[in-house]
Amino acid sequence: MLQIQIGAERAADADDWLERSTLGWRPGMSEDEAWEAGRGVWKFNADRALSQGEVQIINTEGMVLAVAKITGISKCGDRYALEGDLLRGDPRVGRSTPSPHLSRNPVTYI
């Protein structure tokens, strides 16, 4: 499984590849909003990410915000964004991840 940890919500750069106005996490955001905030744009090994099957978007406190099935990736300059099917209502959402995010990097493979 691929795990992406997102920090506190902040304004996105004007040239954001995914045309988002904000990045990161805020209390009360929906699974769809968490997926959009967390699916990109990151540096990672594209082949390895595709082989993971699923991705968890978590916040810095270790709470699962969204889970998606990875269906592809989009190249964004020297970085990537995930494409996928959000698994709305997944029972892991809203709970602490059983796999703590130990990496200093926002993207890790579990």
PDB file of N, CA and C in Angstrom:
ATOM      1  N   MET A   1       0.843  -1.181   0.000  1.00  0.00           N
ATOM      2  CA  MET A   1       0.000   0.000   0.000  1.00  0.00           C
ATOM      3  C   MET A   1       0.882   1.236   0.000  1.00  0.00           C
ATOM      4  N   LEU A   2       0.468   2.223  -0.748  1.00  0.00           N
ATOM      5  CA  LEU A   2       1.104   3.524  -0.758  1.00  0.00           C
ATOM      6  C   LEU A   2       0.409   4.376   0.296  1.00  0.00           C
ATOM      7  N   GLN A   3       1.188   5.153   1.040  1.00  0.00           N
ATOM      8  CA  GLN A   3       0.599   6.027   2.052  1.00  0.00           C
ATOM      9  C   GLN A   3       1.138   7.432   1.827  1.00  0.00           C
ATOM     10  N   ILE A   4       0.234   8.406   1.789  1.00  0.00           N
ATOM     11  CA  ILE A   4       0.612   9.801   1.605  1.00  0.00           C
ATOM     12  C   ILE A   4       0.107  10.597   2.793  1.00  0.00           C
ATOM     13  N   GLN A   5       1.046  11.289   3.432  1.00  0.00           N
ATOM     14  CA  GLN A   5       0.722  12.104   4.601  1.00  0.00           C
ATOM     15  C   GLN A   5       0.651  13.569   4.180  1.00  0.00           C
ATOM     16  N   ILE A   6      -0.476  14.207   4.492  1.00  0.00           N
ATOM     17  CA  ILE A   6      -0.624  15.617   4.139  1.00  0.00           C
ATOM     18  C   ILE A   6      -0.701  16.465   5.406  1.00  0.00           C
ATOM     19  N   GLY A   7      -0.108  17.632   5.316  1.00  0.00           N
ATOM     20  CA  GLY A   7      -0.076  18.547   6.445  1.00  0.00           C
ATOM     21  C   GLY A   7      -1.279  19.471   6.463  1.00  0.00           C
ATOM     22  N   ALA A   8      -1.159  20.507   7.246  1.00  0.00           N
ATOM     23  CA  ALA A   8      -2.246  21.477   7.412  1.00  0.00           C
ATOM     24  C   ALA A   8      -2.551  22.194   6.104  1.00  0.00           C
ATOM     25  N   GLU A   9      -3.810  22.560   5.947  1.00  0.00           N
ATOM     26  CA  GLU A   9      -4.259  23.239   4.730  1.00  0.00           C
ATOM     27  C   GLU A   9      -3.528  24.562   4.548  1.00  0.00           C
ATOM     28  N   ARG A  10      -3.195  24.829   3.288  1.00  0.00           N
ATOM     29  CA  ARG A  10      -2.529  26.077   2.923  1.00  0.00           C
ATOM     30  C   ARG A  10      -2.889  26.398   1.471  1.00  0.00           C
ATOM     31  N   ALA A  11      -2.632  27.602   1.058  1.00  0.00           N
ATOM     32  CA  ALA A  11      -2.924  28.011  -0.321  1.00  0.00           C
ATOM     33  C   ALA A  11      -1.996  27.285  -1.290  1.00  0.00           C
ATOM     34  N   ALA A  12      -2.528  26.889  -2.414  1.00  0.00           N
ATOM     35  CA  ALA A  12      -1.730  26.263  -3.470  1.00  0.00           C
ATOM     36  C   ALA A  12      -1.047  27.346  -4.291  1.00  0.00           C
ATOM     37  N   ASP A  13       0.048  26.973  -4.924  1.00  0.00           N
ATOM     38  CA  ASP A  13       0.707  27.890  -5.847  1.00  0.00           C
ATOM     39  C   ASP A  13      -0.207  28.158  -7.036  1.00  0.00           C
ATOM     40  N   ALA A  14      -0.064  29.303  -7.642  1.00  0.00           N
ATOM     41  CA  ALA A  14      -0.897  29.671  -8.787  1.00  0.00           C
ATOM     42  C   ALA A  14      -0.720  28.704  -9.956  1.00  0.00           C
ATOM     43  N   ASP A  15       0.442  28.060 -10.044  1.00  0.00           N
ATOM     44  CA  ASP A  15       0.710  27.147 -11.155  1.00  0.00           C
ATOM     45  C   ASP A  15       0.545  25.673 -10.756  1.00  0.00           C
ATOM     46  N   ASP A  16      -0.313  25.399  -9.783  1.00  0.00           N
ATOM     47  CA  ASP A  16      -0.557  24.016  -9.343  1.00  0.00           C
ATOM     48  C   ASP A  16      -0.998  23.172 -10.534  1.00  0.00           C
ATOM     49  N   TRP A  17      -0.329  22.044 -10.746  1.00  0.00           N
ATOM     50  CA  TRP A  17      -0.614  21.161 -11.884  1.00  0.00           C
ATOM     51  C   TRP A  17      -2.058  20.660 -11.885  1.00  0.00           C
ATOM     52  N   LEU A  18      -2.641  20.501 -10.705  1.00  0.00           N
ATOM     53  CA  LEU A  18      -4.008  19.977 -10.610  1.00  0.00           C
ATOM     54  C   LEU A  18      -5.046  21.088 -10.456  1.00  0.00           C
ATOM     55  N   GLU A  19      -4.593  22.332 -10.589  1.00  0.00           N
ATOM     56  CA  GLU A  19      -5.455  23.515 -10.532  1.00  0.00           C
ATOM     57  C   GLU A  19      -6.252  23.609  -9.243  1.00  0.00           C
ATOM     58  N   ARG A  20      -5.599  23.237  -8.138  1.00  0.00           N
ATOM     59  CA  ARG A  20      -6.240  23.328  -6.819  1.00  0.00           C
ATOM     60  C   ARG A  20      -6.002  24.707  -6.228  1.00  0.00           C
ATOM     61  N   SER A  21      -6.935  25.170  -5.428  1.00  0.00           N
ATOM     62  CA  SER A  21      -6.758  26.460  -4.752  1.00  0.00           C
ATOM     63  C   SER A  21      -6.093  26.275  -3.389  1.00  0.00           C
ATOM     64  N   THR A  22      -6.272  25.096  -2.786  1.00  0.00           N
ATOM     65  CA  THR A  22      -5.643  24.796  -1.504  1.00  0.00           C
ATOM     66  C   THR A  22      -5.020  23.403  -1.541  1.00  0.00           C
ATOM     67  N   LEU A  23      -4.084  23.193  -0.642  1.00  0.00           N
ATOM     68  CA  LEU A  23      -3.432  21.900  -0.449  1.00  0.00           C
ATOM     69  C   LEU A  23      -3.528  21.550   1.018  1.00  0.00           C
ATOM     70  N   GLY A  24      -3.449  20.277   1.345  1.00  0.00           N
ATOM     71  CA  GLY A  24      -3.392  19.869   2.740  1.00  0.00           C
ATOM     72  C   GLY A  24      -4.744  19.521   3.327  1.00  0.00           C
ATOM     73  N   TRP A  25      -4.710  19.339   4.639  1.00  0.00           N
ATOM     74  CA  TRP A  25      -5.841  18.820   5.394  1.00  0.00           C
ATOM     75  C   TRP A  25      -6.410  19.872   6.334  1.00  0.00           C
ATOM     76  N   ARG A  26      -7.737  19.807   6.503  1.00  0.00           N
ATOM     77  CA  ARG A  26      -8.412  20.635   7.505  1.00  0.00           C
ATOM     78  C   ARG A  26      -9.518  19.797   8.118  1.00  0.00           C
ATOM     79  N   PRO A  27      -9.845  20.044   9.390  1.00  0.00           N
ATOM     80  CA  PRO A  27     -10.936  19.293  10.020  1.00  0.00           C
ATOM     81  C   PRO A  27     -12.231  19.431   9.226  1.00  0.00           C
ATOM     82  N   GLY A  28     -12.964  18.337   9.134  1.00  0.00           N
ATOM     83  CA  GLY A  28     -14.255  18.347   8.481  1.00  0.00           C
ATOM     84  C   GLY A  28     -14.244  18.156   6.979  1.00  0.00           C
ATOM     85  N   MET A  29     -13.077  17.991   6.385  1.00  0.00           N
ATOM     86  CA  MET A  29     -13.072  17.825   4.931  1.00  0.00           C
ATOM     87  C   MET A  29     -13.622  16.458   4.548  1.00  0.00           C
ATOM     88  N   SER A  30     -14.221  16.374   3.380  1.00  0.00           N
ATOM     89  CA  SER A  30     -14.811  15.132   2.892  1.00  0.00           C
ATOM     90  C   SER A  30     -13.724  14.205   2.347  1.00  0.00           C
ATOM     91  N   GLU A  31     -14.091  12.956   2.109  1.00  0.00           N
ATOM     92  CA  GLU A  31     -13.161  12.011   1.495  1.00  0.00           C
ATOM     93  C   GLU A  31     -12.739  12.502   0.112  1.00  0.00           C
ATOM     94  N   ASP A  32     -13.685  13.052  -0.646  1.00  0.00           N
ATOM     95  CA  ASP A  32     -13.371  13.573  -1.979  1.00  0.00           C
ATOM     96  C   ASP A  32     -12.345  14.707  -1.889  1.00  0.00           C
ATOM     97  N   GLU A  33     -12.532  15.603  -0.933  1.00  0.00           N
ATOM     98  CA  GLU A  33     -11.592  16.711  -0.763  1.00  0.00           C
ATOM     99  C   GLU A  33     -10.221  16.200  -0.328  1.00  0.00           C
ATOM    100  N   ALA A  34     -10.186  15.211   0.555  1.00  0.00           N
ATOM    101  CA  ALA A  34      -8.914  14.635   1.006  1.00  0.00           C
ATOM    102  C   ALA A  34      -8.193  13.953  -0.153  1.00  0.00           C
ATOM    103  N   TRP A  35      -8.940  13.235  -0.985  1.00  0.00           N
ATOM    104  CA  TRP A  35      -8.353  12.578  -2.150  1.00  0.00           C
ATOM    105  C   TRP A  35      -7.750  13.618  -3.084  1.00  0.00           C
ATOM    106  N   GLU A  36      -8.493  14.675  -3.372  1.00  0.00           N
ATOM    107  CA  GLU A  36      -7.987  15.706  -4.278  1.00  0.00           C
ATOM    108  C   GLU A  36      -6.753  16.395  -3.693  1.00  0.00           C
ATOM    109  N   ALA A  37      -6.754  16.627  -2.397  1.00  0.00           N
ATOM    110  CA  ALA A  37      -5.611  17.276  -1.739  1.00  0.00           C
ATOM    111  C   ALA A  37      -4.387  16.368  -1.698  1.00  0.00           C
ATOM    112  N   GLY A  38      -4.603  15.065  -1.573  1.00  0.00           N
ATOM    113  CA  GLY A  38      -3.489  14.159  -1.345  1.00  0.00           C
ATOM    114  C   GLY A  38      -2.973  13.380  -2.531  1.00  0.00           C
ATOM    115  N   ARG A  39      -3.677  13.375  -3.657  1.00  0.00           N
ATOM    116  CA  ARG A  39      -3.284  12.507  -4.763  1.00  0.00           C
ATOM    117  C   ARG A  39      -2.076  13.017  -5.548  1.00  0.00           C
ATOM    118  N   GLY A  40      -1.678  14.236  -5.321  1.00  0.00           N
ATOM    119  CA  GLY A  40      -0.509  14.769  -6.031  1.00  0.00           C
ATOM    120  C   GLY A  40      -0.177  16.141  -5.501  1.00  0.00           C
ATOM    121  N   VAL A  41       0.813  16.686  -5.907  1.00  0.00           N
ATOM    122  CA  VAL A  41       1.832  16.298  -6.884  1.00  0.00           C
ATOM    123  C   VAL A  41       3.092  15.944  -6.089  1.00  0.00           C
ATOM    124  N   TRP A  42       3.617  14.715  -6.302  1.00  0.00           N
ATOM    125  CA  TRP A  42       4.676  14.161  -5.469  1.00  0.00           C
ATOM    126  C   TRP A  42       5.824  13.600  -6.298  1.00  0.00           C
ATOM    127  N   LYS A  43       6.976  13.474  -5.649  1.00  0.00           N
ATOM    128  CA  LYS A  43       8.089  12.721  -6.222  1.00  0.00           C
ATOM    129  C   LYS A  43       7.983  11.308  -5.671  1.00  0.00           C
ATOM    130  N   PHE A  44       7.853  10.330  -6.552  1.00  0.00           N
ATOM    131  CA  PHE A  44       7.865   8.932  -6.144  1.00  0.00           C
ATOM    132  C   PHE A  44       8.240   8.073  -7.339  1.00  0.00           C
ATOM    133  N   ASN A  45       8.505   6.802  -7.068  1.00  0.00           N
ATOM    134  CA  ASN A  45       8.821   5.844  -8.113  1.00  0.00           C
ATOM    135  C   ASN A  45       7.497   5.418  -8.752  1.00  0.00           C
ATOM    136  N   ALA A  46       7.278   5.814 -10.001  1.00  0.00           N
ATOM    137  CA  ALA A  46       5.995   5.576 -10.657  1.00  0.00           C
ATOM    138  C   ALA A  46       5.650   4.090 -10.742  1.00  0.00           C
ATOM    139  N   ASP A  47       6.606   3.249 -11.129  1.00  0.00           N
ATOM    140  CA  ASP A  47       6.334   1.816 -11.238  1.00  0.00           C
ATOM    141  C   ASP A  47       5.993   1.219  -9.882  1.00  0.00           C
ATOM    142  N   ARG A  48       6.730   1.625  -8.880  1.00  0.00           N
ATOM    143  CA  ARG A  48       6.467   1.097  -7.540  1.00  0.00           C
ATOM    144  C   ARG A  48       5.105   1.552  -7.025  1.00  0.00           C
ATOM    145  N   ALA A  49       4.763   2.800  -7.272  1.00  0.00           N
ATOM    146  CA  ALA A  49       3.461   3.320  -6.835  1.00  0.00           C
ATOM    147  C   ALA A  49       2.325   2.563  -7.514  1.00  0.00           C
ATOM    148  N   LEU A  50       2.452   2.329  -8.817  1.00  0.00           N
ATOM    149  CA  LEU A  50       1.409   1.604  -9.542  1.00  0.00           C
ATOM    150  C   LEU A  50       1.240   0.180  -9.031  1.00  0.00           C
ATOM    151  N   SER A  51       2.320  -0.428  -8.582  1.00  0.00           N
ATOM    152  CA  SER A  51       2.258  -1.816  -8.110  1.00  0.00           C
ATOM    153  C   SER A  51       1.615  -1.943  -6.727  1.00  0.00           C
ATOM    154  N   GLN A  52       1.374  -0.835  -6.044  1.00  0.00           N
ATOM    155  CA  GLN A  52       0.842  -0.871  -4.679  1.00  0.00           C
ATOM    156  C   GLN A  52      -0.649  -1.190  -4.618  1.00  0.00           C
ATOM    157  N   GLY A  53      -1.383  -0.873  -5.642  1.00  0.00           N
ATOM    158  CA  GLY A  53      -2.809  -1.210  -5.658  1.00  0.00           C
ATOM    159  C   GLY A  53      -3.702  -0.189  -4.986  1.00  0.00           C
ATOM    160  N   GLU A  54      -3.373   0.201  -3.760  1.00  0.00           N
ATOM    161  CA  GLU A  54      -4.195   1.171  -3.023  1.00  0.00           C
ATOM    162  C   GLU A  54      -3.313   2.250  -2.417  1.00  0.00           C
ATOM    163  N   VAL A  55      -3.956   3.359  -2.116  1.00  0.00           N
ATOM    164  CA  VAL A  55      -3.294   4.467  -1.429  1.00  0.00           C
ATOM    165  C   VAL A  55      -4.177   4.929  -0.277  1.00  0.00           C
ATOM    166  N   GLN A  56      -3.533   5.216   0.834  1.00  0.00           N
ATOM    167  CA  GLN A  56      -4.192   5.850   1.978  1.00  0.00           C
ATOM    168  C   GLN A  56      -3.697   7.285   2.047  1.00  0.00           C
ATOM    169  N   ILE A  57      -4.616   8.210   2.175  1.00  0.00           N
ATOM    170  CA  ILE A  57      -4.268   9.603   2.449  1.00  0.00           C
ATOM    171  C   ILE A  57      -4.476   9.787   3.946  1.00  0.00           C
ATOM    172  N   ILE A  58      -3.429  10.198   4.654  1.00  0.00           N
ATOM    173  CA  ILE A  58      -3.532  10.386   6.103  1.00  0.00           C
ATOM    174  C   ILE A  58      -3.090  11.800   6.469  1.00  0.00           C
ATOM    175  N   ASN A  59      -3.500  12.239   7.656  1.00  0.00           N
ATOM    176  CA  ASN A  59      -3.011  13.529   8.142  1.00  0.00           C
ATOM    177  C   ASN A  59      -1.796  13.291   9.038  1.00  0.00           C
ATOM    178  N   THR A  60      -1.206  14.358   9.547  1.00  0.00           N
ATOM    179  CA  THR A  60       0.012  14.232  10.347  1.00  0.00           C
ATOM    180  C   THR A  60      -0.237  13.579  11.701  1.00  0.00           C
ATOM    181  N   GLU A  61      -1.499  13.424  12.084  1.00  0.00           N
ATOM    182  CA  GLU A  61      -1.839  12.738  13.333  1.00  0.00           C
ATOM    183  C   GLU A  61      -2.082  11.248  13.106  1.00  0.00           C
ATOM    184  N   GLY A  62      -1.981  10.790  11.850  1.00  0.00           N
ATOM    185  CA  GLY A  62      -2.141   9.380  11.532  1.00  0.00           C
ATOM    186  C   GLY A  62      -3.566   8.936  11.263  1.00  0.00           C
ATOM    187  N   MET A  63      -4.499   9.886  11.121  1.00  0.00           N
ATOM    188  CA  MET A  63      -5.881   9.522  10.816  1.00  0.00           C
ATOM    189  C   MET A  63      -6.035   9.333   9.305  1.00  0.00           C
ATOM    190  N   VAL A  64      -6.699   8.249   8.923  1.00  0.00           N
ATOM    191  CA  VAL A  64      -6.968   7.980   7.509  1.00  0.00           C
ATOM    192  C   VAL A  64      -8.090   8.911   7.046  1.00  0.00           C
ATOM    193  N   LEU A  65      -7.798   9.686   6.000  1.00  0.00           N
ATOM    194  CA  LEU A  65      -8.755  10.644   5.456  1.00  0.00           C
ATOM    195  C   LEU A  65      -9.463  10.117   4.220  1.00  0.00           C
ATOM    196  N   ALA A  66      -8.774   9.275   3.454  1.00  0.00           N
ATOM    197  CA  ALA A  66      -9.339   8.715   2.228  1.00  0.00           C
ATOM    198  C   ALA A  66      -8.532   7.494   1.823  1.00  0.00           C
ATOM    199  N   VAL A  67      -9.196   6.567   1.136  1.00  0.00           N
ATOM    200  CA  VAL A  67      -8.551   5.380   0.578  1.00  0.00           C
ATOM    201  C   VAL A  67      -9.006   5.276  -0.869  1.00  0.00           C
ATOM    202  N   ALA A  68      -8.065   4.975  -1.766  1.00  0.00           N
ATOM    203  CA  ALA A  68      -8.412   4.853  -3.184  1.00  0.00           C
ATOM    204  C   ALA A  68      -7.671   3.692  -3.819  1.00  0.00           C
ATOM    205  N   LYS A  69      -8.282   3.129  -4.836  1.00  0.00           N
ATOM    206  CA  LYS A  69      -7.636   2.125  -5.678  1.00  0.00           C
ATOM    207  C   LYS A  69      -6.850   2.892  -6.727  1.00  0.00           C
ATOM    208  N   ILE A  70      -5.564   2.606  -6.867  1.00  0.00           N
ATOM    209  CA  ILE A  70      -4.718   3.293  -7.838  1.00  0.00           C
ATOM    210  C   ILE A  70      -4.986   2.707  -9.220  1.00  0.00           C
ATOM    211  N   THR A  71      -5.342   3.586 -10.170  1.00  0.00           N
ATOM    212  CA  THR A  71      -5.608   3.136 -11.533  1.00  0.00           C
ATOM    213  C   THR A  71      -4.595   3.667 -12.535  1.00  0.00           C
ATOM    214  N   GLY A  72      -3.780   4.626 -12.116  1.00  0.00           N
ATOM    215  CA  GLY A  72      -2.783   5.190 -13.013  1.00  0.00           C
ATOM    216  C   GLY A  72      -2.086   6.370 -12.374  1.00  0.00           C
ATOM    217  N   ILE A  73      -1.197   6.969 -13.151  1.00  0.00           N
ATOM    218  CA  ILE A  73      -0.505   8.170 -12.693  1.00  0.00           C
ATOM    219  C   ILE A  73      -0.455   9.170 -13.839  1.00  0.00           C
ATOM    220  N   SER A  74      -0.320  10.445 -13.478  1.00  0.00           N
ATOM    221  CA  SER A  74      -0.140  11.515 -14.454  1.00  0.00           C
ATOM    222  C   SER A  74       1.203  12.171 -14.177  1.00  0.00           C
ATOM    223  N   LYS A  75       1.970  12.426 -15.218  1.00  0.00           N
ATOM    224  CA  LYS A  75       3.251  13.110 -15.068  1.00  0.00           C
ATOM    225  C   LYS A  75       2.989  14.599 -14.951  1.00  0.00           C
ATOM    226  N   CYS A  76       3.612  15.217 -13.969  1.00  0.00           N
ATOM    227  CA  CYS A  76       3.461  16.650 -13.704  1.00  0.00           C
ATOM    228  C   CYS A  76       4.860  17.242 -13.584  1.00  0.00           C
ATOM    229  N   GLY A  77       5.495  17.526 -14.724  1.00  0.00           N
ATOM    230  CA  GLY A  77       6.883  17.972 -14.703  1.00  0.00           C
ATOM    231  C   GLY A  77       7.769  16.829 -14.241  1.00  0.00           C
ATOM    232  N   ASP A  78       8.534  17.053 -13.153  1.00  0.00           N
ATOM    233  CA  ASP A  78       9.391  15.994 -12.613  1.00  0.00           C
ATOM    234  C   ASP A  78       8.713  15.248 -11.456  1.00  0.00           C
ATOM    235  N   ARG A  79       7.425  15.420 -11.318  1.00  0.00           N
ATOM    236  CA  ARG A  79       6.644  14.792 -10.252  1.00  0.00           C
ATOM    237  C   ARG A  79       5.445  14.066 -10.850  1.00  0.00           C
ATOM    238  N   TYR A  80       4.645  13.456  -9.952  1.00  0.00           N
ATOM    239  CA  TYR A  80       3.501  12.674 -10.403  1.00  0.00           C
ATOM    240  C   TYR A  80       2.266  12.957  -9.560  1.00  0.00           C
ATOM    241  N   ALA A  81       1.113  12.708 -10.159  1.00  0.00           N
ATOM    242  CA  ALA A  81      -0.166  12.714  -9.451  1.00  0.00           C
ATOM    243  C   ALA A  81      -0.805  11.353  -9.666  1.00  0.00           C
ATOM    244  N   LEU A  82      -1.449  10.847  -8.641  1.00  0.00           N
ATOM    245  CA  LEU A  82      -2.136   9.569  -8.740  1.00  0.00           C
ATOM    246  C   LEU A  82      -3.494   9.739  -9.401  1.00  0.00           C
ATOM    247  N   GLU A  83      -3.882   8.740 -10.132  1.00  0.00           N
ATOM    248  CA  GLU A  83      -5.235   8.617 -10.653  1.00  0.00           C
ATOM    249  C   GLU A  83      -5.835   7.419  -9.923  1.00  0.00           C
ATOM    250  N   GLY A  84      -7.116   7.457  -9.638  1.00  0.00           N
ATOM    251  CA  GLY A  84      -7.685   6.321  -8.931  1.00  0.00           C
ATOM    252  C   GLY A  84      -9.168   6.442  -8.680  1.00  0.00           C
ATOM    253  N   ASP A  85      -9.690   5.382  -8.109  1.00  0.00           N
ATOM    254  CA  ASP A  85     -11.096   5.315  -7.738  1.00  0.00           C
ATOM    255  C   ASP A  85     -11.196   5.401  -6.222  1.00  0.00           C
ATOM    256  N   LEU A  86     -11.788   6.469  -5.740  1.00  0.00           N
ATOM    257  CA  LEU A  86     -11.969   6.666  -4.311  1.00  0.00           C
ATOM    258  C   LEU A  86     -12.878   5.574  -3.756  1.00  0.00           C
ATOM    259  N   LEU A  87     -12.456   4.939  -2.675  1.00  0.00           N
ATOM    260  CA  LEU A  87     -13.262   3.895  -2.033  1.00  0.00           C
ATOM    261  C   LEU A  87     -14.094   4.553  -0.934  1.00  0.00           C
ATOM    262  N   ARG A  88     -15.127   5.284  -1.355  1.00  0.00           N
ATOM    263  CA  ARG A  88     -15.976   6.035  -0.419  1.00  0.00           C
ATOM    264  C   ARG A  88     -16.571   5.102   0.626  1.00  0.00           C
ATOM    265  N   GLY A  89     -16.530   5.549   1.860  1.00  0.00           N
ATOM    266  CA  GLY A  89     -17.105   4.771   2.950  1.00  0.00           C
ATOM    267  C   GLY A  89     -16.228   3.626   3.424  1.00  0.00           C
ATOM    268  N   ASP A  90     -14.977   3.578   2.989  1.00  0.00           N
ATOM    269  CA  ASP A  90     -14.071   2.520   3.449  1.00  0.00           C
ATOM    270  C   ASP A  90     -13.993   2.575   4.972  1.00  0.00           C
ATOM    271  N   PRO A  91     -14.054   1.429   5.657  1.00  0.00           N
ATOM    272  CA  PRO A  91     -14.062   1.428   7.123  1.00  0.00           C
ATOM    273  C   PRO A  91     -12.785   1.963   7.763  1.00  0.00           C
ATOM    274  N   ARG A  92     -11.711   2.099   6.997  1.00  0.00           N
ATOM    275  CA  ARG A  92     -10.459   2.653   7.548  1.00  0.00           C
ATOM    276  C   ARG A  92     -10.518   4.162   7.714  1.00  0.00           C
ATOM    277  N   VAL A  93     -11.406   4.813   6.952  1.00  0.00           N
ATOM    278  CA  VAL A  93     -11.506   6.281   6.991  1.00  0.00           C
ATOM    279  C   VAL A  93     -12.031   6.719   8.357  1.00  0.00           C
ATOM    280  N   GLY A  94     -11.383   7.734   8.907  1.00  0.00           N
ATOM    281  CA  GLY A  94     -11.774   8.268  10.207  1.00  0.00           C
ATOM    282  C   GLY A  94     -11.122   7.562  11.378  1.00  0.00           C
ATOM    283  N   ARG A  95     -10.282   6.581  11.088  1.00  0.00           N
ATOM    284  CA  ARG A  95      -9.575   5.830  12.143  1.00  0.00           C
ATOM    285  C   ARG A  95      -8.082   6.042  12.010  1.00  0.00           C
ATOM    286  N   SER A  96      -7.383   5.752  13.071  1.00  0.00           N
ATOM    287  CA  SER A  96      -5.919   5.811  13.021  1.00  0.00           C
ATOM    288  C   SER A  96      -5.403   4.701  12.126  1.00  0.00           C
ATOM    289  N   THR A  97      -4.397   5.014  11.337  1.00  0.00           N
ATOM    290  CA  THR A  97      -3.813   4.002  10.477  1.00  0.00           C
ATOM    291  C   THR A  97      -3.086   2.960  11.334  1.00  0.00           C
ATOM    292  N   PRO A  98      -3.197   1.685  11.000  1.00  0.00           N
ATOM    293  CA  PRO A  98      -2.452   0.664  11.740  1.00  0.00           C
ATOM    294  C   PRO A  98      -0.975   0.661  11.359  1.00  0.00           C
ATOM    295  N   SER A  99      -0.616   1.434  10.323  1.00  0.00           N
ATOM    296  CA  SER A  99       0.767   1.510   9.847  1.00  0.00           C
ATOM    297  C   SER A  99       1.264   2.937   9.993  1.00  0.00           C
ATOM    298  N   PRO A 100       1.876   3.264  11.140  1.00  0.00           N
ATOM    299  CA  PRO A 100       2.343   4.633  11.356  1.00  0.00           C
ATOM    300  C   PRO A 100       3.296   5.094  10.260  1.00  0.00           C
ATOM    301  N   HIS A 101       3.206   6.342   9.919  1.00  0.00           N
ATOM    302  CA  HIS A 101       4.026   6.951   8.864  1.00  0.00           C
ATOM    303  C   HIS A 101       5.368   7.338   9.490  1.00  0.00           C
ATOM    304  N   LEU A 102       6.382   6.514   9.267  1.00  0.00           N
ATOM    305  CA  LEU A 102       7.677   6.724   9.908  1.00  0.00           C
ATOM    306  C   LEU A 102       8.660   7.507   9.044  1.00  0.00           C
ATOM    307  N   SER A 103       8.326   7.722   7.791  1.00  0.00           N
ATOM    308  CA  SER A 103       9.224   8.412   6.869  1.00  0.00           C
ATOM    309  C   SER A 103       9.160   9.923   7.065  1.00  0.00           C
ATOM    310  N   ARG A 104      10.282  10.588   6.802  1.00  0.00           N
ATOM    311  CA  ARG A 104      10.286  12.054   6.795  1.00  0.00           C
ATOM    312  C   ARG A 104       9.621  12.576   5.531  1.00  0.00           C
ATOM    313  N   ASN A 105       9.556  11.746   4.505  1.00  0.00           N
ATOM    314  CA  ASN A 105       8.928  12.118   3.242  1.00  0.00           C
ATOM    315  C   ASN A 105       7.413  11.914   3.334  1.00  0.00           C
ATOM    316  N   PRO A 106       6.647  12.708   2.584  1.00  0.00           N
ATOM    317  CA  PRO A 106       5.191  12.548   2.638  1.00  0.00           C
ATOM    318  C   PRO A 106       4.696  11.245   2.004  1.00  0.00           C
ATOM    319  N   VAL A 107       5.476  10.656   1.116  1.00  0.00           N
ATOM    320  CA  VAL A 107       5.081   9.420   0.434  1.00  0.00           C
ATOM    321  C   VAL A 107       5.894   8.254   0.971  1.00  0.00           C
ATOM    322  N   THR A 108       5.208   7.187   1.356  1.00  0.00           N
ATOM    323  CA  THR A 108       5.908   5.975   1.809  1.00  0.00           C
ATOM    324  C   THR A 108       5.162   4.747   1.305  1.00  0.00           C
ATOM    325  N   TYR A 109       5.899   3.662   1.236  1.00  0.00           N
ATOM    326  CA  TYR A 109       5.345   2.377   0.766  1.00  0.00           C
ATOM    327  C   TYR A 109       5.252   1.448   1.969  1.00  0.00           C
ATOM    328  N   ILE A 110       4.090   0.841   2.160  1.00  0.00           N
ATOM    329  CA  ILE A 110       3.882  -0.055   3.296  1.00  0.00           C
ATOM    330  C   ILE A 110       3.747  -1.475   2.783  1.00  0.00           C
TER     331      ILE A 110
END
